[in-house]
Amino acid sequence: MYPPAREERAVSEAHSFVHEELSETEARVLEFEKQWWRYAGAKESAIRELFGMSATRYYQVLNGLLDNPAALAAEPLLVKRLRRMRQARHRERSARRLAGEPVLDH
């Protein structure tokens, strides 16, 4: 075990390295996704205002981040939670297709 100060420095250095692998926009997307409910109004409006991109483009970036090892290293709890949610939606759509129900993505 490292002494507390040395351990904190090692963790800080690891986070700095990971953030170097993520672009500034990617790091901001992860930060926003952790706390988007704090913004007044619709999430889509906040996305356009903060990132200057459509909601569709934002979700493309976010989806790519879920498969990015640097994102997992930077925000493991968030990325794992979002991966579980993505997997659940995929299973739900697949089950509806197998059942012959129309698939309506919201």
PDB file of N, CA and C in Angstrom:
ATOM      1  N   MET A   1       0.839  -1.192   0.000  1.00  0.00           N
ATOM      2  CA  MET A   1       0.000   0.000   0.000  1.00  0.00           C
ATOM      3  C   MET A   1       0.878   1.247   0.000  1.00  0.00           C
ATOM      4  N   TYR A   2       0.443   2.218  -0.725  1.00  0.00           N
ATOM      5  CA  TYR A   2       1.133   3.505  -0.747  1.00  0.00           C
ATOM      6  C   TYR A   2       0.647   4.359   0.412  1.00  0.00           C
ATOM      7  N   PRO A   3       1.470   5.271   0.894  1.00  0.00           N
ATOM      8  CA  PRO A   3       0.972   6.259   1.852  1.00  0.00           C
ATOM      9  C   PRO A   3      -0.133   7.066   1.168  1.00  0.00           C
ATOM     10  N   PRO A   4      -1.111   7.588   1.920  1.00  0.00           N
ATOM     11  CA  PRO A   4      -2.261   8.283   1.322  1.00  0.00           C
ATOM     12  C   PRO A   4      -1.896   9.359   0.303  1.00  0.00           C
ATOM     13  N   ALA A   5      -0.930  10.207   0.594  1.00  0.00           N
ATOM     14  CA  ALA A   5      -0.584  11.291  -0.338  1.00  0.00           C
ATOM     15  C   ALA A   5      -0.031  10.725  -1.640  1.00  0.00           C
ATOM     16  N   ARG A   6       0.795   9.717  -1.531  1.00  0.00           N
ATOM     17  CA  ARG A   6       1.384   9.105  -2.728  1.00  0.00           C
ATOM     18  C   ARG A   6       0.309   8.392  -3.552  1.00  0.00           C
ATOM     19  N   GLU A   7      -0.621   7.727  -2.862  1.00  0.00           N
ATOM     20  CA  GLU A   7      -1.714   7.033  -3.552  1.00  0.00           C
ATOM     21  C   GLU A   7      -2.599   8.035  -4.291  1.00  0.00           C
ATOM     22  N   GLU A   8      -2.928   9.150  -3.639  1.00  0.00           N
ATOM     23  CA  GLU A   8      -3.747  10.179  -4.287  1.00  0.00           C
ATOM     24  C   GLU A   8      -3.048  10.728  -5.519  1.00  0.00           C
ATOM     25  N   ARG A   9      -1.746  10.935  -5.431  1.00  0.00           N
ATOM     26  CA  ARG A   9      -0.983  11.452  -6.569  1.00  0.00           C
ATOM     27  C   ARG A   9      -1.014  10.441  -7.716  1.00  0.00           C
ATOM     28  N   ALA A  10      -0.892   9.149  -7.402  1.00  0.00           N
ATOM     29  CA  ALA A  10      -0.922   8.108  -8.432  1.00  0.00           C
ATOM     30  C   ALA A  10      -2.282   8.075  -9.119  1.00  0.00           C
ATOM     31  N   VAL A  11      -3.349   8.193  -8.346  1.00  0.00           N
ATOM     32  CA  VAL A  11      -4.697   8.221  -8.916  1.00  0.00           C
ATOM     33  C   VAL A  11      -4.871   9.451  -9.784  1.00  0.00           C
ATOM     34  N   SER A  12      -4.404  10.597  -9.312  1.00  0.00           N
ATOM     35  CA  SER A  12      -4.502  11.838 -10.077  1.00  0.00           C
ATOM     36  C   SER A  12      -3.750  11.732 -11.395  1.00  0.00           C
ATOM     37  N   GLU A  13      -2.559  11.155 -11.357  1.00  0.00           N
ATOM     38  CA  GLU A  13      -1.771  10.985 -12.580  1.00  0.00           C
ATOM     39  C   GLU A  13      -2.465  10.037 -13.544  1.00  0.00           C
ATOM     40  N   ALA A  14      -3.084   8.986 -13.029  1.00  0.00           N
ATOM     41  CA  ALA A  14      -3.810   8.042 -13.887  1.00  0.00           C
ATOM     42  C   ALA A  14      -4.980   8.736 -14.560  1.00  0.00           C
ATOM     43  N   HIS A  15      -5.722   9.560 -13.807  1.00  0.00           N
ATOM     44  CA  HIS A  15      -6.850  10.289 -14.390  1.00  0.00           C
ATOM     45  C   HIS A  15      -6.369  11.282 -15.438  1.00  0.00           C
ATOM     46  N   SER A  16      -5.251  11.936 -15.206  1.00  0.00           N
ATOM     47  CA  SER A  16      -4.704  12.876 -16.186  1.00  0.00           C
ATOM     48  C   SER A  16      -4.358  12.157 -17.474  1.00  0.00           C
ATOM     49  N   PHE A  17      -3.748  10.989 -17.361  1.00  0.00           N
ATOM     50  CA  PHE A  17      -3.380  10.217 -18.540  1.00  0.00           C
ATOM     51  C   PHE A  17      -4.617   9.822 -19.329  1.00  0.00           C
ATOM     52  N   VAL A  18      -5.648   9.349 -18.638  1.00  0.00           N
ATOM     53  CA  VAL A  18      -6.878   8.932 -19.307  1.00  0.00           C
ATOM     54  C   VAL A  18      -7.520  10.107 -20.013  1.00  0.00           C
ATOM     55  N   HIS A  19      -7.574  11.259 -19.352  1.00  0.00           N
ATOM     56  CA  HIS A  19      -8.206  12.417 -19.969  1.00  0.00           C
ATOM     57  C   HIS A  19      -7.432  12.895 -21.187  1.00  0.00           C
ATOM     58  N   GLU A  20      -6.137  12.595 -21.243  1.00  0.00           N
ATOM     59  CA  GLU A  20      -5.369  12.942 -22.432  1.00  0.00           C
ATOM     60  C   GLU A  20      -5.819  12.107 -23.625  1.00  0.00           C
ATOM     61  N   GLU A  21      -6.329  10.912 -23.386  1.00  0.00           N
ATOM     62  CA  GLU A  21      -6.787  10.050 -24.463  1.00  0.00           C
ATOM     63  C   GLU A  21      -8.177  10.438 -24.946  1.00  0.00           C
ATOM     64  N   LEU A  22      -8.944  11.109 -24.119  1.00  0.00           N
ATOM     65  CA  LEU A  22     -10.268  11.586 -24.508  1.00  0.00           C
ATOM     66  C   LEU A  22     -10.136  13.013 -25.012  1.00  0.00           C
ATOM     67  N   SER A  23     -10.910  13.337 -26.034  1.00  0.00           N
ATOM     68  CA  SER A  23     -10.919  14.729 -26.476  1.00  0.00           C
ATOM     69  C   SER A  23     -11.639  15.565 -25.425  1.00  0.00           C
ATOM     70  N   GLU A  24     -11.488  16.858 -25.514  1.00  0.00           N
ATOM     71  CA  GLU A  24     -12.178  17.745 -24.576  1.00  0.00           C
ATOM     72  C   GLU A  24     -13.686  17.540 -24.679  1.00  0.00           C
ATOM     73  N   THR A  25     -14.194  17.422 -25.888  1.00  0.00           N
ATOM     74  CA  THR A  25     -15.634  17.211 -26.081  1.00  0.00           C
ATOM     75  C   THR A  25     -16.070  15.895 -25.465  1.00  0.00           C
ATOM     76  N   GLU A  26     -15.302  14.832 -25.666  1.00  0.00           N
ATOM     77  CA  GLU A  26     -15.663  13.534 -25.102  1.00  0.00           C
ATOM     78  C   GLU A  26     -15.695  13.587 -23.577  1.00  0.00           C
ATOM     79  N   ALA A  27     -14.713  14.233 -22.974  1.00  0.00           N
ATOM     80  CA  ALA A  27     -14.688  14.368 -21.514  1.00  0.00           C
ATOM     81  C   ALA A  27     -15.891  15.172 -21.032  1.00  0.00           C
ATOM     82  N   ARG A  28     -16.251  16.223 -21.766  1.00  0.00           N
ATOM     83  CA  ARG A  28     -17.414  17.042 -21.398  1.00  0.00           C
ATOM     84  C   ARG A  28     -18.716  16.257 -21.555  1.00  0.00           C
ATOM     85  N   VAL A  29     -18.808  15.405 -22.573  1.00  0.00           N
ATOM     86  CA  VAL A  29     -20.004  14.575 -22.766  1.00  0.00           C
ATOM     87  C   VAL A  29     -20.179  13.643 -21.574  1.00  0.00           C
ATOM     88  N   LEU A  30     -19.102  13.014 -21.137  1.00  0.00           N
ATOM     89  CA  LEU A  30     -19.199  12.128 -19.974  1.00  0.00           C
ATOM     90  C   LEU A  30     -19.612  12.905 -18.728  1.00  0.00           C
ATOM     91  N   GLU A  31     -19.030  14.067 -18.538  1.00  0.00           N
ATOM     92  CA  GLU A  31     -19.373  14.889 -17.371  1.00  0.00           C
ATOM     93  C   GLU A  31     -20.840  15.310 -17.428  1.00  0.00           C
ATOM     94  N   PHE A  32     -21.294  15.727 -18.598  1.00  0.00           N
ATOM     95  CA  PHE A  32     -22.694  16.129 -18.769  1.00  0.00           C
ATOM     96  C   PHE A  32     -23.623  14.949 -18.499  1.00  0.00           C
ATOM     97  N   GLU A  33     -23.283  13.789 -18.998  1.00  0.00           N
ATOM     98  CA  GLU A  33     -24.151  12.622 -18.854  1.00  0.00           C
ATOM     99  C   GLU A  33     -24.315  12.227 -17.388  1.00  0.00           C
ATOM    100  N   LYS A  34     -23.306  12.524 -16.569  1.00  0.00           N
ATOM    101  CA  LYS A  34     -23.407  12.226 -15.135  1.00  0.00           C
ATOM    102  C   LYS A  34     -24.431  13.109 -14.443  1.00  0.00           C
ATOM    103  N   GLN A  35     -24.679  14.303 -14.978  1.00  0.00           N
ATOM    104  CA  GLN A  35     -25.507  15.256 -14.232  1.00  0.00           C
ATOM    105  C   GLN A  35     -26.458  16.056 -15.106  1.00  0.00           C
ATOM    106  N   TRP A  36     -26.912  15.506 -16.222  1.00  0.00           N
ATOM    107  CA  TRP A  36     -27.742  16.274 -17.146  1.00  0.00           C
ATOM    108  C   TRP A  36     -29.060  16.725 -16.528  1.00  0.00           C
ATOM    109  N   TRP A  37     -29.585  15.999 -15.558  1.00  0.00           N
ATOM    110  CA  TRP A  37     -30.874  16.366 -14.968  1.00  0.00           C
ATOM    111  C   TRP A  37     -30.804  17.684 -14.204  1.00  0.00           C
ATOM    112  N   ARG A  38     -29.608  18.165 -13.930  1.00  0.00           N
ATOM    113  CA  ARG A  38     -29.462  19.435 -13.208  1.00  0.00           C
ATOM    114  C   ARG A  38     -29.766  20.639 -14.094  1.00  0.00           C
ATOM    115  N   TYR A  39     -29.808  20.429 -15.392  1.00  0.00           N
ATOM    116  CA  TYR A  39     -30.060  21.529 -16.321  1.00  0.00           C
ATOM    117  C   TYR A  39     -31.557  21.715 -16.496  1.00  0.00           C
ATOM    118  N   ALA A  40     -31.983  22.972 -16.511  1.00  0.00           N
ATOM    119  CA  ALA A  40     -33.404  23.274 -16.686  1.00  0.00           C
ATOM    120  C   ALA A  40     -33.810  22.948 -18.122  1.00  0.00           C
ATOM    121  N   GLY A  41     -35.049  22.499 -18.287  1.00  0.00           N
ATOM    122  CA  GLY A  41     -35.552  22.237 -19.630  1.00  0.00           C
ATOM    123  C   GLY A  41     -35.197  20.853 -20.121  1.00  0.00           C
ATOM    124  N   ALA A  42     -35.453  20.648 -21.392  1.00  0.00           N
ATOM    125  CA  ALA A  42     -35.229  19.342 -21.999  1.00  0.00           C
ATOM    126  C   ALA A  42     -33.737  19.059 -22.183  1.00  0.00           C
ATOM    127  N   LYS A  43     -33.396  17.799 -22.098  1.00  0.00           N
ATOM    128  CA  LYS A  43     -32.002  17.389 -22.277  1.00  0.00           C
ATOM    129  C   LYS A  43     -31.509  17.786 -23.667  1.00  0.00           C
ATOM    130  N   GLU A  44     -32.365  17.637 -24.672  1.00  0.00           N
ATOM    131  CA  GLU A  44     -31.971  17.965 -26.045  1.00  0.00           C
ATOM    132  C   GLU A  44     -31.603  19.436 -26.186  1.00  0.00           C
ATOM    133  N   SER A  45     -32.331  20.304 -25.502  1.00  0.00           N
ATOM    134  CA  SER A  45     -32.015  21.739 -25.548  1.00  0.00           C
ATOM    135  C   SER A  45     -30.663  22.018 -24.902  1.00  0.00           C
ATOM    136  N   ALA A  46     -30.409  21.364 -23.784  1.00  0.00           N
ATOM    137  CA  ALA A  46     -29.124  21.540 -23.096  1.00  0.00           C
ATOM    138  C   ALA A  46     -27.978  21.025 -23.965  1.00  0.00           C
ATOM    139  N   ILE A  47     -28.206  19.924 -24.668  1.00  0.00           N
ATOM    140  CA  ILE A  47     -27.178  19.368 -25.559  1.00  0.00           C
ATOM    141  C   ILE A  47     -26.828  20.377 -26.643  1.00  0.00           C
ATOM    142  N   ARG A  48     -27.853  20.943 -27.271  1.00  0.00           N
ATOM    143  CA  ARG A  48     -27.603  21.906 -28.347  1.00  0.00           C
ATOM    144  C   ARG A  48     -26.881  23.141 -27.803  1.00  0.00           C
ATOM    145  N   GLU A  49     -27.312  23.608 -26.635  1.00  0.00           N
ATOM    146  CA  GLU A  49     -26.716  24.816 -26.049  1.00  0.00           C
ATOM    147  C   GLU A  49     -25.265  24.593 -25.614  1.00  0.00           C
ATOM    148  N   LEU A  50     -24.997  23.473 -24.953  1.00  0.00           N
ATOM    149  CA  LEU A  50     -23.663  23.224 -24.396  1.00  0.00           C
ATOM    150  C   LEU A  50     -22.653  22.701 -25.417  1.00  0.00           C
ATOM    151  N   PHE A  51     -23.128  21.898 -26.356  1.00  0.00           N
ATOM    152  CA  PHE A  51     -22.206  21.231 -27.275  1.00  0.00           C
ATOM    153  C   PHE A  51     -22.313  21.717 -28.717  1.00  0.00           C
ATOM    154  N   GLY A  52     -23.378  22.454 -29.027  1.00  0.00           N
ATOM    155  CA  GLY A  52     -23.544  22.936 -30.392  1.00  0.00           C
ATOM    156  C   GLY A  52     -23.742  21.816 -31.395  1.00  0.00           C
ATOM    157  N   MET A  53     -24.374  20.736 -30.951  1.00  0.00           N
ATOM    158  CA  MET A  53     -24.635  19.613 -31.859  1.00  0.00           C
ATOM    159  C   MET A  53     -26.054  19.117 -31.646  1.00  0.00           C
ATOM    160  N   SER A  54     -26.558  18.402 -32.626  1.00  0.00           N
ATOM    161  CA  SER A  54     -27.900  17.840 -32.510  1.00  0.00           C
ATOM    162  C   SER A  54     -27.888  16.715 -31.475  1.00  0.00           C
ATOM    163  N   ALA A  55     -29.064  16.372 -30.984  1.00  0.00           N
ATOM    164  CA  ALA A  55     -29.176  15.262 -30.042  1.00  0.00           C
ATOM    165  C   ALA A  55     -28.715  13.964 -30.705  1.00  0.00           C
ATOM    166  N   THR A  56     -29.023  13.808 -31.989  1.00  0.00           N
ATOM    167  CA  THR A  56     -28.598  12.604 -32.710  1.00  0.00           C
ATOM    168  C   THR A  56     -27.080  12.476 -32.699  1.00  0.00           C
ATOM    169  N   ARG A  57     -26.382  13.558 -33.010  1.00  0.00           N
ATOM    170  CA  ARG A  57     -24.915  13.530 -33.024  1.00  0.00           C
ATOM    171  C   ARG A  57     -24.364  13.281 -31.621  1.00  0.00           C
ATOM    172  N   TYR A  58     -24.974  13.905 -30.614  1.00  0.00           N
ATOM    173  CA  TYR A  58     -24.552  13.710 -29.226  1.00  0.00           C
ATOM    174  C   TYR A  58     -24.620  12.227 -28.856  1.00  0.00           C
ATOM    175  N   TYR A  59     -25.741  11.589 -29.194  1.00  0.00           N
ATOM    176  CA  TYR A  59     -25.897  10.181 -28.837  1.00  0.00           C
ATOM    177  C   TYR A  59     -24.958   9.287 -29.641  1.00  0.00           C
ATOM    178  N   GLN A  60     -24.582   9.694 -30.845  1.00  0.00           N
ATOM    179  CA  GLN A  60     -23.565   8.954 -31.597  1.00  0.00           C
ATOM    180  C   GLN A  60     -22.219   9.035 -30.878  1.00  0.00           C
ATOM    181  N   VAL A  61     -21.871  10.229 -30.429  1.00  0.00           N
ATOM    182  CA  VAL A  61     -20.614  10.419 -29.685  1.00  0.00           C
ATOM    183  C   VAL A  61     -20.654   9.606 -28.391  1.00  0.00           C
ATOM    184  N   LEU A  62     -21.749   9.706 -27.655  1.00  0.00           N
ATOM    185  CA  LEU A  62     -21.886   8.985 -26.389  1.00  0.00           C
ATOM    186  C   LEU A  62     -21.800   7.481 -26.607  1.00  0.00           C
ATOM    187  N   ASN A  63     -22.479   6.980 -27.628  1.00  0.00           N
ATOM    188  CA  ASN A  63     -22.446   5.547 -27.911  1.00  0.00           C
ATOM    189  C   ASN A  63     -21.024   5.091 -28.226  1.00  0.00           C
ATOM    190  N   GLY A  64     -20.288   5.883 -28.969  1.00  0.00           N
ATOM    191  CA  GLY A  64     -18.890   5.559 -29.246  1.00  0.00           C
ATOM    192  C   GLY A  64     -18.048   5.539 -27.983  1.00  0.00           C
ATOM    193  N   LEU A  65     -18.346   6.451 -27.074  1.00  0.00           N
ATOM    194  CA  LEU A  65     -17.600   6.500 -25.812  1.00  0.00           C
ATOM    195  C   LEU A  65     -17.822   5.248 -24.971  1.00  0.00           C
ATOM    196  N   LEU A  66     -18.996   4.648 -25.072  1.00  0.00           N
ATOM    197  CA  LEU A  66     -19.285   3.459 -24.276  1.00  0.00           C
ATOM    198  C   LEU A  66     -18.387   2.288 -24.663  1.00  0.00           C
ATOM    199  N   ASP A  67     -17.838   2.336 -25.869  1.00  0.00           N
ATOM    200  CA  ASP A  67     -16.935   1.283 -26.327  1.00  0.00           C
ATOM    201  C   ASP A  67     -15.469   1.714 -26.271  1.00  0.00           C
ATOM    202  N   ASN A  68     -15.203   2.870 -25.698  1.00  0.00           N
ATOM    203  CA  ASN A  68     -13.858   3.432 -25.646  1.00  0.00           C
ATOM    204  C   ASN A  68     -13.216   3.101 -24.291  1.00  0.00           C
ATOM    205  N   PRO A  69     -12.111   2.355 -24.277  1.00  0.00           N
ATOM    206  CA  PRO A  69     -11.453   2.010 -23.005  1.00  0.00           C
ATOM    207  C   PRO A  69     -11.052   3.235 -22.180  1.00  0.00           C
ATOM    208  N   ALA A  70     -10.712   4.329 -22.832  1.00  0.00           N
ATOM    209  CA  ALA A  70     -10.334   5.541 -22.093  1.00  0.00           C
ATOM    210  C   ALA A  70     -11.533   6.095 -21.330  1.00  0.00           C
ATOM    211  N   ALA A  71     -12.717   6.016 -21.922  1.00  0.00           N
ATOM    212  CA  ALA A  71     -13.930   6.479 -21.239  1.00  0.00           C
ATOM    213  C   ALA A  71     -14.231   5.582 -20.042  1.00  0.00           C
ATOM    214  N   LEU A  72     -14.067   4.284 -20.223  1.00  0.00           N
ATOM    215  CA  LEU A  72     -14.286   3.343 -19.120  1.00  0.00           C
ATOM    216  C   LEU A  72     -13.315   3.620 -17.981  1.00  0.00           C
ATOM    217  N   ALA A  73     -12.073   3.911 -18.305  1.00  0.00           N
ATOM    218  CA  ALA A  73     -11.080   4.214 -17.272  1.00  0.00           C
ATOM    219  C   ALA A  73     -11.393   5.534 -16.570  1.00  0.00           C
ATOM    220  N   ALA A  74     -11.901   6.508 -17.318  1.00  0.00           N
ATOM    221  CA  ALA A  74     -12.184   7.828 -16.748  1.00  0.00           C
ATOM    222  C   ALA A  74     -13.429   7.821 -15.873  1.00  0.00           C
ATOM    223  N   GLU A  75     -14.469   7.138 -16.317  1.00  0.00           N
ATOM    224  CA  GLU A  75     -15.759   7.137 -15.608  1.00  0.00           C
ATOM    225  C   GLU A  75     -16.334   5.721 -15.580  1.00  0.00           C
ATOM    226  N   PRO A  76     -15.729   4.808 -14.828  1.00  0.00           N
ATOM    227  CA  PRO A  76     -16.160   3.406 -14.883  1.00  0.00           C
ATOM    228  C   PRO A  76     -17.613   3.170 -14.477  1.00  0.00           C
ATOM    229  N   LEU A  77     -18.078   3.803 -13.423  1.00  0.00           N
ATOM    230  CA  LEU A  77     -19.456   3.572 -12.985  1.00  0.00           C
ATOM    231  C   LEU A  77     -20.454   4.070 -14.022  1.00  0.00           C
ATOM    232  N   LEU A  78     -20.230   5.257 -14.531  1.00  0.00           N
ATOM    233  CA  LEU A  78     -21.120   5.833 -15.537  1.00  0.00           C
ATOM    234  C   LEU A  78     -21.140   4.984 -16.800  1.00  0.00           C
ATOM    235  N   VAL A  79     -19.968   4.645 -17.314  1.00  0.00           N
ATOM    236  CA  VAL A  79     -19.892   3.884 -18.562  1.00  0.00           C
ATOM    237  C   VAL A  79     -20.532   2.513 -18.393  1.00  0.00           C
ATOM    238  N   LYS A  80     -20.286   1.848 -17.285  1.00  0.00           N
ATOM    239  CA  LYS A  80     -20.896   0.532 -17.057  1.00  0.00           C
ATOM    240  C   LYS A  80     -22.417   0.642 -16.956  1.00  0.00           C
ATOM    241  N   ARG A  81     -22.911   1.675 -16.278  1.00  0.00           N
ATOM    242  CA  ARG A  81     -24.367   1.867 -16.165  1.00  0.00           C
ATOM    243  C   ARG A  81     -24.978   2.120 -17.538  1.00  0.00           C
ATOM    244  N   LEU A  82     -24.349   2.985 -18.325  1.00  0.00           N
ATOM    245  CA  LEU A  82     -24.873   3.294 -19.655  1.00  0.00           C
ATOM    246  C   LEU A  82     -24.786   2.083 -20.583  1.00  0.00           C
ATOM    247  N   ARG A  83     -23.758   1.274 -20.429  1.00  0.00           N
ATOM    248  CA  ARG A  83     -23.665   0.037 -21.215  1.00  0.00           C
ATOM    249  C   ARG A  83     -24.809  -0.905 -20.869  1.00  0.00           C
ATOM    250  N   ARG A  84     -25.121  -1.033 -19.572  1.00  0.00           N
ATOM    251  CA  ARG A  84     -26.238  -1.898 -19.160  1.00  0.00           C
ATOM    252  C   ARG A  84     -27.549  -1.398 -19.747  1.00  0.00           C
ATOM    253  N   MET A  85     -27.738  -0.084 -19.730  1.00  0.00           N
ATOM    254  CA  MET A  85     -28.962   0.491 -20.289  1.00  0.00           C
ATOM    255  C   MET A  85     -29.038   0.227 -21.795  1.00  0.00           C
ATOM    256  N   ARG A  86     -27.925   0.389 -22.492  1.00  0.00           N
ATOM    257  CA  ARG A  86     -27.889   0.143 -23.938  1.00  0.00           C
ATOM    258  C   ARG A  86     -28.202  -1.323 -24.230  1.00  0.00           C
ATOM    259  N   GLN A  87     -27.618  -2.216 -23.444  1.00  0.00           N
ATOM    260  CA  GLN A  87     -27.858  -3.643 -23.624  1.00  0.00           C
ATOM    261  C   GLN A  87     -29.324  -3.987 -23.384  1.00  0.00           C
ATOM    262  N   ALA A  88     -29.923  -3.401 -22.358  1.00  0.00           N
ATOM    263  CA  ALA A  88     -31.330  -3.663 -22.049  1.00  0.00           C
ATOM    264  C   ALA A  88     -32.224  -3.196 -23.196  1.00  0.00           C
ATOM    265  N   ARG A  89     -31.941  -2.020 -23.759  1.00  0.00           N
ATOM    266  CA  ARG A  89     -32.734  -1.531 -24.899  1.00  0.00           C
ATOM    267  C   ARG A  89     -32.584  -2.459 -26.097  1.00  0.00           C
ATOM    268  N   HIS A  90     -31.367  -2.939 -26.316  1.00  0.00           N
ATOM    269  CA  HIS A  90     -31.117  -3.848 -27.434  1.00  0.00           C
ATOM    270  C   HIS A  90     -31.899  -5.151 -27.244  1.00  0.00           C
ATOM    271  N   ARG A  91     -31.858  -5.703 -26.039  1.00  0.00           N
ATOM    272  CA  ARG A  91     -32.608  -6.939 -25.758  1.00  0.00           C
ATOM    273  C   ARG A  91     -34.099  -6.721 -25.946  1.00  0.00           C
ATOM    274  N   GLU A  92     -34.591  -5.571 -25.486  1.00  0.00           N
ATOM    275  CA  GLU A  92     -36.014  -5.255 -25.610  1.00  0.00           C
ATOM    276  C   GLU A  92     -36.429  -5.180 -27.084  1.00  0.00           C
ATOM    277  N   ARG A  93     -35.628  -4.493 -27.896  1.00  0.00           N
ATOM    278  CA  ARG A  93     -35.936  -4.394 -29.335  1.00  0.00           C
ATOM    279  C   ARG A  93     -35.889  -5.770 -29.991  1.00  0.00           C
ATOM    280  N   SER A  94     -34.902  -6.570 -29.642  1.00  0.00           N
ATOM    281  CA  SER A  94     -34.774  -7.912 -30.220  1.00  0.00           C
ATOM    282  C   SER A  94     -35.962  -8.781 -29.841  1.00  0.00           C
ATOM    283  N   ALA A  95     -36.396  -8.691 -28.604  1.00  0.00           N
ATOM    284  CA  ALA A  95     -37.540  -9.478 -28.150  1.00  0.00           C
ATOM    285  C   ALA A  95     -38.803  -9.069 -28.900  1.00  0.00           C
ATOM    286  N   ARG A  96     -38.983  -7.775 -29.132  1.00  0.00           N
ATOM    287  CA  ARG A  96     -40.164  -7.316 -29.869  1.00  0.00           C
ATOM    288  C   ARG A  96     -40.123  -7.805 -31.309  1.00  0.00           C
ATOM    289  N   ARG A  97     -38.945  -7.791 -31.913  1.00  0.00           N
ATOM    290  CA  ARG A  97     -38.813  -8.282 -33.295  1.00  0.00           C
ATOM    291  C   ARG A  97     -39.166  -9.761 -33.368  1.00  0.00           C
ATOM    292  N   LEU A  98     -38.663 -10.534 -32.421  1.00  0.00           N
ATOM    293  CA  LEU A  98     -38.941 -11.969 -32.405  1.00  0.00           C
ATOM    294  C   LEU A  98     -40.421 -12.246 -32.177  1.00  0.00           C
ATOM    295  N   ALA A  99     -41.072 -11.392 -31.410  1.00  0.00           N
ATOM    296  CA  ALA A  99     -42.494 -11.561 -31.127  1.00  0.00           C
ATOM    297  C   ALA A  99     -43.358 -11.031 -32.270  1.00  0.00           C
ATOM    298  N   GLY A 100     -42.737 -10.387 -33.241  1.00  0.00           N
ATOM    299  CA  GLY A 100     -43.487  -9.860 -34.374  1.00  0.00           C
ATOM    300  C   GLY A 100     -44.158  -8.531 -34.112  1.00  0.00           C
ATOM    301  N   GLU A 101     -43.821  -7.903 -32.995  1.00  0.00           N
ATOM    302  CA  GLU A 101     -44.397  -6.598 -32.679  1.00  0.00           C
ATOM    303  C   GLU A 101     -43.639  -5.517 -33.428  1.00  0.00           C
ATOM    304  N   PRO A 102     -44.317  -4.425 -33.762  1.00  0.00           N
ATOM    305  CA  PRO A 102     -43.590  -3.318 -34.397  1.00  0.00           C
ATOM    306  C   PRO A 102     -42.583  -2.725 -33.415  1.00  0.00           C
ATOM    307  N   VAL A 103     -41.453  -2.324 -33.925  1.00  0.00           N
ATOM    308  CA  VAL A 103     -40.394  -1.747 -33.095  1.00  0.00           C
ATOM    309  C   VAL A 103     -40.436  -0.241 -33.262  1.00  0.00           C
ATOM    310  N   LEU A 104     -40.765   0.448 -32.188  1.00  0.00           N
ATOM    311  CA  LEU A 104     -40.819   1.910 -32.194  1.00  0.00           C
ATOM    312  C   LEU A 104     -39.776   2.417 -31.226  1.00  0.00           C
ATOM    313  N   ASP A 105     -38.717   2.989 -31.741  1.00  0.00           N
ATOM    314  CA  ASP A 105     -37.693   3.578 -30.872  1.00  0.00           C
ATOM    315  C   ASP A 105     -38.097   4.992 -30.541  1.00  0.00           C
ATOM    316  N   HIS A 106     -37.968   5.325 -29.287  1.00  0.00           N
ATOM    317  CA  HIS A 106     -38.359   6.667 -28.827  1.00  0.00           C
ATOM    318  C   HIS A 106     -37.218   7.600 -28.914  1.00  0.00           C
TER     319      HIS A 106
END
